Protein backbone atom coordinates (compact mmCIF):
# COMPACT_ATOMS: atom_id res chain seq x y z
CA MET A 1 0.00 0.00 0.00
CA LYS A 2 1.42 3.36 -1.03
CA ARG A 3 1.90 5.72 1.89
CA ALA A 4 0.42 9.24 1.52
CA SER A 5 2.77 12.22 1.47
CA LEU A 6 2.78 14.93 4.13
CA ILE A 7 3.64 17.71 1.69
CA ALA A 8 0.10 18.64 0.62
CA PRO A 9 -1.22 18.97 4.22
CA LEU A 10 1.81 21.06 5.21
CA ILE A 11 1.22 23.42 2.26
CA LEU A 12 -2.39 23.86 3.37
CA ILE A 13 -1.16 24.64 6.89
CA LEU A 14 1.28 27.20 5.52
CA ILE A 15 -1.43 28.95 3.46
CA GLY A 16 -3.72 29.02 6.50
CA VAL A 17 -0.97 30.56 8.65
CA LEU A 18 -0.45 33.32 6.08
CA PHE A 19 -4.16 34.21 6.05
CA LEU A 20 -4.21 34.10 9.85
CA LEU A 21 -1.30 36.53 10.04
CA ASN A 22 -3.12 38.87 7.67
CA ASN A 23 -6.13 38.91 10.04
CA ILE A 24 -4.17 39.23 13.28
CA ARG A 25 -1.51 41.64 12.02
CA PRO A 26 -3.06 43.90 9.36
CA ASP A 27 0.07 46.06 9.48
CA LEU A 28 2.16 43.09 8.35
CA SER A 29 2.33 42.87 4.58
CA VAL A 30 1.69 39.21 3.75
CA TRP A 31 2.52 39.95 0.13
CA ARG A 32 6.05 41.02 1.09
CA VAL A 33 6.47 37.93 3.27
CA VAL A 34 5.53 35.68 0.34
CA ALA A 35 7.70 37.64 -2.11
CA THR A 36 10.73 37.38 0.18
CA TYR A 37 10.53 33.91 1.71
CA TRP A 38 8.82 31.77 -0.95
CA PRO A 39 12.05 29.80 -1.79
CA TRP A 40 11.85 28.26 1.71
CA VAL A 41 8.82 26.33 0.46
CA LEU A 42 11.04 24.54 -2.06
CA VAL A 43 13.73 23.95 0.56
CA GLY A 44 11.26 22.52 3.03
CA TRP A 45 9.56 20.45 0.35
CA GLY A 46 12.84 18.90 -0.78
CA ALA A 47 13.97 18.20 2.80
CA LEU A 48 10.65 16.53 3.62
CA ARG A 49 10.87 14.31 0.53
CA ILE A 50 14.37 13.20 1.57
CA VAL A 51 13.09 12.32 5.04
CA GLU A 52 10.22 10.32 3.54
CA ILE A 53 12.58 8.39 1.22
CA LEU A 54 14.99 7.60 4.08
CA TYR A 55 12.13 6.44 6.25
CA SER A 56 10.88 4.13 3.49
CA TRP A 57 14.39 2.68 2.97
CA GLN A 58 14.86 2.08 6.70
CA ALA A 59 11.43 0.41 6.94
CA GLY A 60 12.29 -1.87 4.04
CA GLN A 61 9.56 -0.48 1.84
CA LEU A 62 9.74 -0.19 -1.92
CA LEU A 63 11.45 3.06 -2.88
CA PRO A 64 9.78 5.31 -5.49
CA LYS A 65 11.32 5.44 -8.94
CA ALA A 66 11.48 9.24 -8.73
CA GLY A 67 11.69 11.44 -5.69
CA VAL A 68 9.10 13.81 -7.16
CA ASN A 69 6.19 12.76 -9.36
CA GLY A 70 4.82 14.53 -12.44
CA GLY A 71 2.07 16.43 -10.63
CA GLU A 72 4.52 17.75 -8.06
CA TRP A 73 6.88 18.89 -10.81
CA ALA A 74 4.02 20.87 -12.41
CA PHE A 75 3.25 22.55 -9.08
CA ILE A 76 6.96 23.32 -8.53
CA ILE A 77 7.18 25.04 -11.94
CA PHE A 78 4.07 27.08 -11.16
CA LEU A 79 5.46 28.01 -7.73
CA CYS A 80 8.75 29.15 -9.27
CA PHE A 81 7.03 31.42 -11.80
CA PHE A 82 4.72 32.80 -9.11
CA GLY A 83 7.52 33.36 -6.60
CA ALA A 84 9.82 34.99 -9.13
CA GLY A 85 7.03 37.33 -10.20
CA ALA A 86 6.22 38.20 -6.59
CA SER A 87 9.89 38.95 -5.85
CA ALA A 88 10.19 41.15 -8.95
CA ALA A 89 7.02 43.04 -7.99
CA GLY A 90 8.33 43.54 -4.46
CA ARG A 91 11.44 45.28 -5.80
CA VAL A 92 9.39 47.86 -7.74
CA THR A 93 9.46 51.08 -5.72
CA ASN A 94 6.55 52.82 -7.46
CA TRP A 95 4.20 49.84 -7.61
CA PRO A 96 0.60 51.08 -7.81
CA GLY A 97 -1.20 50.85 -4.52
CA ASN A 98 -4.56 51.04 -6.29
CA LEU A 99 -4.38 48.02 -8.59
CA ARG A 100 -8.07 47.39 -9.24
CA VAL A 101 -9.83 44.49 -10.93
CA LEU A 102 -13.60 44.85 -11.49
CA GLY A 103 -13.70 47.65 -8.92
CA TRP A 104 -11.81 45.76 -6.19
CA ASP A 105 -8.47 46.87 -4.73
CA MET A 106 -6.14 43.91 -5.21
CA MET A 107 -2.92 45.18 -3.63
CA GLY A 108 -1.76 47.48 -0.90
CA ASP A 109 -3.39 48.68 2.32
CA THR A 110 -5.53 51.67 3.27
CA TYR A 111 -3.98 54.28 5.55
CA ASP A 112 -6.04 56.98 7.30
CA PHE A 113 -4.98 60.58 7.95
CA PRO A 114 -7.14 63.08 9.88
CA LEU A 115 -8.44 66.20 8.16
CA HIS A 116 -9.38 69.38 9.99
CA GLY A 117 -9.75 73.02 9.08
CA GLU A 118 -11.87 76.06 9.82
CA GLN A 119 -12.24 79.61 8.61
CA SER A 120 -14.59 82.53 9.10
CA ALA A 121 -17.20 82.94 6.38
CA ASP A 122 -18.32 86.42 7.36
CA GLY A 123 -19.52 88.10 4.16
CA VAL A 124 -19.26 84.88 2.13
CA LYS A 125 -22.15 84.29 -0.27
CA LYS A 126 -21.04 80.98 -1.81
CA ILE A 127 -19.03 77.95 -0.71
CA VAL A 128 -17.41 75.74 -3.37
CA LEU A 129 -16.36 72.18 -2.43
CA GLU A 130 -13.95 70.31 -4.72
CA ASN A 131 -13.49 66.68 -3.72
CA LEU A 132 -12.70 64.29 -6.55
CA ARG A 133 -13.24 61.05 -4.61
CA GLY A 134 -15.12 60.56 -1.38
CA ASP A 135 -18.35 61.39 0.43
CA ALA A 136 -19.18 64.84 1.81
CA ARG A 137 -21.88 65.92 4.25
CA LEU A 138 -22.71 69.62 4.57
CA VAL A 139 -24.99 70.91 7.33
CA GLY A 140 -26.16 74.51 7.62
CA GLY A 141 -26.37 76.23 10.95
CA ASP A 142 -26.20 79.53 12.77
CA GLY A 143 -22.96 81.47 12.87
CA THR A 144 -20.35 82.44 10.28
CA LEU A 145 -17.69 79.76 10.90
CA VAL A 146 -16.94 77.05 8.35
CA LYS A 147 -15.58 73.94 10.05
CA VAL A 148 -14.26 70.89 8.21
CA ASP A 149 -13.57 67.51 9.85
CA GLY A 150 -12.93 64.16 8.25
CA ARG A 151 -10.24 61.79 7.11
CA SER A 152 -8.16 61.11 4.05
CA MET A 153 -7.91 57.43 3.09
CA ILE A 154 -4.95 56.51 0.90
CA ARG A 155 -4.53 53.12 -0.71
CA ALA A 156 -0.81 52.42 -1.01
CA ILE A 157 1.70 49.59 -0.96
CA ASP A 158 3.22 50.87 2.31
CA ARG A 159 2.77 53.69 4.82
CA GLN A 160 5.76 55.64 3.54
CA SER A 161 4.14 55.96 0.12
CA ALA A 162 0.82 56.94 1.73
CA GLU A 163 2.47 59.67 3.82
CA ARG A 164 4.19 61.06 0.74
CA ALA A 165 0.86 61.25 -1.08
CA ASN A 166 -0.85 62.82 1.94
CA LYS A 167 1.71 65.64 2.09
CA GLN A 168 1.17 66.46 -1.56
CA ALA A 169 -2.63 66.61 -1.21
CA PRO A 170 -3.45 68.69 1.90
CA LEU A 171 -6.84 70.10 2.84
CA ALA A 172 -7.00 73.71 1.65
CA ILE A 173 -9.52 76.41 2.61
CA SER A 174 -9.14 79.73 0.79
CA ARG A 175 -11.24 82.77 0.04
CA GLN A 176 -11.57 84.82 -3.12
CA GLY A 177 -13.92 87.76 -2.70
CA ASP A 178 -17.26 86.50 -1.44
CA ILE A 179 -16.53 82.87 -2.45
CA LEU A 180 -14.95 80.36 -0.06
CA TYR A 181 -13.19 77.32 -1.58
CA ILE A 182 -12.71 73.99 0.18
CA ARG A 183 -10.34 71.67 -1.70
CA THR A 184 -8.93 68.23 -0.86
CA SER A 185 -6.20 68.81 -3.51
CA GLN A 186 -6.36 65.22 -4.77
CA GLU A 187 -5.68 66.39 -8.31
CA ARG A 188 -2.23 67.59 -7.20
CA TRP A 189 -1.02 64.03 -6.61
CA SER A 190 0.35 62.45 -9.77
CA GLY A 191 1.32 59.11 -8.23
CA ARG A 192 -0.55 55.84 -8.48
CA GLU A 193 -1.79 55.77 -4.91
CA ARG A 194 -5.57 56.13 -4.61
CA LEU A 195 -6.79 59.07 -2.49
CA THR A 196 -10.28 59.32 -1.00
CA ALA A 197 -11.62 61.91 1.47
CA GLU A 198 -14.66 61.70 3.74
CA LEU A 199 -15.77 65.12 4.99
CA ASP A 200 -18.21 66.56 7.53
CA ILE A 201 -18.62 70.30 6.93
CA ALA A 202 -20.54 72.84 9.00
CA VAL A 203 -21.51 75.93 6.98
CA PRO A 204 -23.60 79.08 7.55
CA ARG A 205 -27.25 78.52 6.80
CA ASN A 206 -27.73 81.41 4.35
CA VAL A 207 -24.96 80.63 1.81
CA ALA A 208 -25.10 78.99 -1.61
CA ILE A 209 -23.36 75.63 -2.05
CA GLU A 210 -21.54 74.25 -5.09
CA CYS A 211 -20.10 70.71 -4.99
CA LYS A 212 -17.81 69.21 -7.62
CA GLY A 213 -16.60 65.61 -7.64
CA ARG A 214 -15.85 62.54 -9.66
CA ASN A 215 -16.88 59.67 -7.41
CA GLY A 216 -18.62 60.06 -4.05
CA ASP A 217 -21.94 60.97 -2.41
CA PHE A 218 -23.13 64.43 -1.39
CA ASP A 219 -25.52 65.10 1.50
CA VAL A 220 -26.68 68.71 2.04
CA THR A 221 -29.08 69.74 4.84
CA GLY A 222 -30.40 73.02 6.24
CA VAL A 223 -29.14 75.52 3.65
CA THR A 224 -31.44 78.30 2.48
CA GLY A 225 -29.28 79.19 -0.52
CA ALA A 226 -29.05 77.46 -3.88
CA VAL A 227 -27.34 74.05 -4.06
CA ASP A 228 -25.44 73.10 -7.24
CA ILE A 229 -23.95 69.60 -7.56
CA ASP A 230 -21.90 68.34 -10.51
CA SER A 231 -20.38 64.85 -10.42
CA ASP A 232 -19.58 61.87 -12.62
CA ASN A 233 -20.84 59.29 -10.14
CA ALA A 234 -22.62 60.35 -6.96
CA GLY A 235 -25.59 59.65 -4.77
CA VAL A 236 -27.25 62.95 -3.83
CA ARG A 237 -29.45 63.64 -0.81
CA LEU A 238 -30.87 67.10 -0.18
CA ASN A 239 -33.11 68.18 2.68
CA ASP A 240 -34.43 71.61 3.61
CA VAL A 241 -32.60 73.64 0.94
CA GLY A 242 -33.51 76.73 -1.05
CA SER A 243 -33.19 75.42 -4.62
CA ALA A 244 -31.26 72.64 -6.32
CA ARG A 245 -29.49 71.95 -9.61
CA ILE A 246 -28.10 68.44 -9.88
CA GLU A 247 -26.12 67.01 -12.79
CA VAL A 248 -24.79 63.48 -12.39
CA ARG A 249 -23.61 61.29 -15.24
CA ARG A 250 -24.27 58.23 -13.09
CA SER A 251 -25.99 57.77 -9.74
CA ASP A 252 -27.68 55.15 -7.60
CA VAL A 253 -30.20 57.62 -6.17
CA VAL A 254 -31.07 61.32 -6.15
CA ARG A 255 -33.34 62.17 -3.22
CA ALA A 256 -34.62 65.65 -2.38
CA SER A 257 -37.15 66.78 0.19
CA ASN A 258 -38.46 70.11 1.43
CA VAL A 259 -37.00 72.15 -1.43
CA LYS A 260 -38.40 75.68 -1.55
CA GLY A 261 -37.18 76.76 -4.96
CA THR A 262 -36.37 75.45 -8.40
CA VAL A 263 -35.32 71.81 -8.74
CA GLU A 264 -33.41 70.74 -11.86
CA VAL A 265 -32.01 67.24 -12.24
CA LYS A 266 -30.02 65.93 -15.21
CA GLY A 267 -28.32 62.59 -15.44
CA ARG A 268 -28.84 58.92 -14.85
CA GLY A 269 -30.22 57.40 -11.69
CA GLU A 270 -33.30 56.84 -9.58
CA ILE A 271 -34.94 60.11 -8.53
CA ASP A 272 -37.09 60.44 -5.43
CA GLY A 273 -38.59 63.77 -4.35
CA ASP A 274 -41.00 64.85 -1.63
CA ASP A 275 -42.46 68.08 -0.25
CA PHE A 276 -41.50 70.67 -2.87
CA THR A 277 -42.99 74.08 -2.01
CA GLY A 278 -42.86 77.57 -3.47
CA PRO A 279 -43.31 79.18 -6.88
CA ALA A 280 -40.75 77.16 -8.78
CA LYS A 281 -40.33 74.71 -11.60
CA ILE A 282 -39.00 71.17 -11.45
CA VAL A 283 -37.10 70.00 -14.50
CA VAL A 284 -35.95 66.38 -14.57
CA ARG A 285 -34.06 64.95 -17.52
CA SER A 286 -32.79 61.45 -16.94
CA GLN A 287 -31.62 58.67 -19.25
CA SER A 288 -32.75 55.73 -17.14
CA ARG A 289 -34.09 54.64 -13.75
CA ASP A 290 -37.37 55.55 -12.09
CA ILE A 291 -38.75 58.89 -10.91
CA LYS A 292 -41.06 59.30 -7.91
CA LEU A 293 -42.29 62.73 -6.78
CA ASN A 294 -44.77 63.44 -3.98
CA ASN A 295 -46.34 66.57 -2.46
CA PHE A 296 -45.23 69.15 -5.02
CA THR A 297 -47.00 72.33 -6.08
CA GLN A 298 -44.62 73.69 -8.70
CA ALA A 299 -44.83 73.38 -12.45
CA LEU A 300 -43.31 70.02 -13.34
CA GLU A 301 -41.45 68.95 -16.48
CA ILE A 302 -40.01 65.45 -16.89
CA GLU A 303 -38.15 63.94 -19.85
CA LEU A 304 -37.14 60.32 -19.33
CA ASP A 305 -35.55 57.86 -21.73
CA ARG A 306 -36.19 54.62 -19.84
CA GLY A 307 -37.92 54.22 -16.52
CA ASP A 308 -41.20 54.52 -14.64
CA ILE A 309 -42.76 57.80 -13.50
CA GLU A 310 -44.91 58.03 -10.37
CA LEU A 311 -46.43 61.40 -9.46
CA ALA A 312 -48.61 62.39 -6.51
CA PRO A 313 -49.22 66.15 -6.22
CA GLY A 314 -50.52 66.38 -2.69
CA ARG A 315 -51.27 70.09 -2.35
CA LEU A 316 -53.70 72.49 -3.96
CA PRO A 317 -53.87 74.44 -6.16
CA LEU A 318 -52.11 72.39 -8.81
CA SER A 319 -49.60 73.64 -11.36
CA ALA A 320 -48.90 72.47 -14.90
CA ILE A 321 -47.44 68.97 -15.31
CA ASP A 322 -45.65 67.70 -18.43
CA ALA A 323 -44.13 64.22 -18.01
CA ARG A 324 -42.86 62.01 -20.84
CA THR A 325 -41.01 58.69 -20.95
CA ARG A 326 -40.05 56.64 -23.99
CA SER A 327 -40.18 53.29 -22.23
CA GLY A 328 -41.87 52.86 -18.87
CA SER A 329 -45.15 53.09 -17.03
CA VAL A 330 -46.72 56.34 -15.79
CA THR A 331 -48.89 56.53 -12.67
CA VAL A 332 -50.49 59.81 -11.56
CA SER A 333 -52.56 60.21 -8.38
CA MET A 334 -54.64 63.39 -8.72
CA PRO A 335 -56.39 65.05 -5.78
CA SER A 336 -60.12 64.40 -5.99
CA LYS A 337 -61.07 68.09 -5.55
CA ALA A 338 -58.40 69.51 -7.83
CA ALA A 339 -59.18 71.44 -11.01
CA PHE A 340 -57.13 70.31 -14.02
CA GLN A 341 -57.25 69.44 -17.71
CA LEU A 342 -55.78 65.97 -18.32
CA SER A 343 -54.33 64.29 -21.39
CA ALA A 344 -52.64 60.91 -20.74
CA THR A 345 -51.46 58.85 -23.72
CA THR A 346 -49.73 55.53 -24.30
CA LYS A 347 -48.79 54.46 -27.83
CA ARG A 348 -48.28 50.85 -26.87
CA GLY A 349 -49.53 49.55 -23.55
CA GLU A 350 -52.44 49.26 -21.17
CA TYR A 351 -54.38 52.20 -19.75
CA GLU A 352 -56.59 52.51 -16.66
CA ASN A 353 -58.87 55.32 -15.55
CA ALA A 354 -59.14 54.70 -11.80
CA PHE A 355 -60.08 58.33 -11.23
CA GLY A 356 -63.49 57.90 -12.82
CA ALA A 357 -65.80 60.60 -14.17
CA PRO A 358 -65.46 63.16 -15.61
CA LEU A 359 -62.34 61.57 -17.15
CA SER A 360 -62.84 59.12 -20.01
CA ALA A 361 -60.63 56.44 -21.57
CA ASP A 362 -60.52 55.46 -25.27
CA GLN A 363 -58.44 52.97 -27.21
CA GLN A 364 -56.07 54.18 -29.91
CA ASP A 365 -54.30 51.58 -32.06
CA ARG A 366 -52.14 49.53 -29.65
CA GLY A 367 -52.53 51.96 -26.79
CA GLY A 368 -55.04 54.39 -25.44
CA VAL A 369 -55.76 57.85 -24.14
CA ILE A 370 -57.31 59.15 -20.94
CA LYS A 371 -58.53 62.72 -21.05
CA GLY A 372 -61.02 65.07 -19.50
CA SER A 373 -61.42 68.18 -17.39
CA THR A 374 -62.49 68.70 -13.80
CA GLY A 375 -62.74 72.45 -14.13
CA THR A 376 -60.70 75.46 -15.13
CA GLY A 377 -57.23 74.40 -14.09
CA PRO A 378 -53.68 73.80 -15.32
CA LYS A 379 -52.87 71.33 -18.09
CA VAL A 380 -51.61 67.90 -17.05
CA ASN A 381 -49.95 66.08 -19.96
CA VAL A 382 -48.36 62.66 -19.42
CA SER A 383 -47.30 60.18 -22.10
CA THR A 384 -45.30 57.04 -22.76
CA GLU A 385 -44.38 55.40 -26.03
CA ARG A 386 -44.13 51.92 -24.56
CA GLY A 387 -45.73 51.24 -21.19
CA SER A 388 -48.92 51.52 -19.16
CA ILE A 389 -50.83 54.65 -18.08
CA THR A 390 -52.77 54.80 -14.80
CA ILE A 391 -54.71 57.77 -13.42
CA ARG A 392 -55.84 57.42 -9.81
CA ARG A 393 -57.89 59.48 -7.39
CA ASN A 394 -56.16 60.75 -4.27
CA GLU A 395 -58.49 61.72 -1.41
CA ILE A 396 -56.90 64.64 0.43
CA ALA A 397 -58.27 67.69 2.22
CA THR A 398 -57.61 70.92 0.31
CA PRO A 399 -56.44 74.03 2.15
CA SER A 400 -59.70 75.83 1.36
CA THR A 401 -62.01 72.98 2.30
CA ALA A 402 -60.15 71.44 5.19
CA LEU A 403 -62.42 71.01 8.13
CA THR A 404 -61.76 73.43 10.97
CA PRO A 405 -62.44 71.98 14.39
CA ALA A 406 -65.31 73.66 16.15
CA PRO A 407 -64.34 75.77 19.13
CA PRO A 408 -65.00 74.09 22.45
CA GLU A 409 -68.18 74.99 24.24
CA PRO A 410 -67.75 77.35 27.17
CA PRO A 411 -67.89 75.63 30.52
CA ALA A 412 -71.26 75.67 32.24
CA SER A 413 -71.77 78.16 35.01
CA PRO A 414 -71.35 76.59 38.43
CA LYS A 415 -74.55 76.00 40.30
CA LEU A 416 -74.97 78.06 43.47
CA PRO A 417 -76.15 76.27 46.57
CA ALA A 418 -79.78 76.95 47.54
CA LEU A 419 -80.36 79.62 50.21
CA PRO A 420 -81.60 78.28 53.55
CA LYS A 421 -85.23 79.01 54.36
CA PRO A 422 -85.84 81.65 57.08
CA PRO A 423 -86.88 80.16 60.45
CA LYS A 424 -90.60 80.20 61.29
CA PRO A 425 -91.61 82.66 64.04
CA GLU A 426 -92.29 81.00 67.44
CA ASP A 427 -95.80 81.16 68.89
CA GLN A 428 -96.22 83.58 71.75
């Protein structure tokens, strides 16, 4: 019976020890350990084979024809190529710390450096944030001080390379006239290390905000001025702002709530809006993803290439609505007591009039049209070339007809106790 070799189990143990070291000692570069000491695997392997052969000879067992079989020779050749490549890579001084495959960092470690800065914004009307990579959160508040806190995360092959990149890309706060600039200076670094900055910024409430980036989310809250965001790839969340202009080439979500002025969105991504107030106009131009808007009173214009549109104007009086998508369903929930003139068309798809009279639905070729008027009101035009159309009734109380609770009745007057009867006169 042929005795099994101990080499394969020992190799598994060695691989497990390397992974364990990586978990216990993150500061220890396992890659450098492998690149430096891989020849010891061959030395240990050869020594173990000699011990096995000597043990077989001493036990009187049949000796193998070759000390190493064909499969082991194939693994040895692979190990030599791998080890030589790892050693050569380890000697490269400017090896990229951001080697990425399908979006994953394959080499190097991430090193953190604190970021902090502050400057008075007295007289500043606009704050411009330039952060190529990383998330930023801006919160408006009382006062005139701009305060920046966060961290810079640098992906590099070692800490020395990360520190060199961090020195070349410092946080900079500068002022030019009535504009205050906040820059992470990532564009100044020409090396291959990957720089990312996460920022928390406190700003005055009454300033305008402009954010520029390449990859990273923006979150802006409590600013009464205009908010302008321009990014290649960003998730955007706005709450309680004056007005908004958003242009993103790619995004997972754009969410805005309690916007008091104009809202303009261009780009690609899911759009979710709620509670838009004030005399403004919402313009949404998106290439794909869905759009959902609730509780808006402004004039609304939507142009969508692919995606569903869901609209629910929750306040009266209504304003004009013009929403179009080339491919996707359209659902509109109209207030039951609103005055409007509706025209809803689908060229190819189903149609449903869940609002009822006075709206009517008619078939047209492969699609249909729902139209009608509930009074003298703004025009509501929605259409899709390929998809369904649904018009629903939304029961809400209008500002003019909302029931006002009756005032409470005044409390009843307290009852006075009855006066005692006078005593009868005694007989003489």
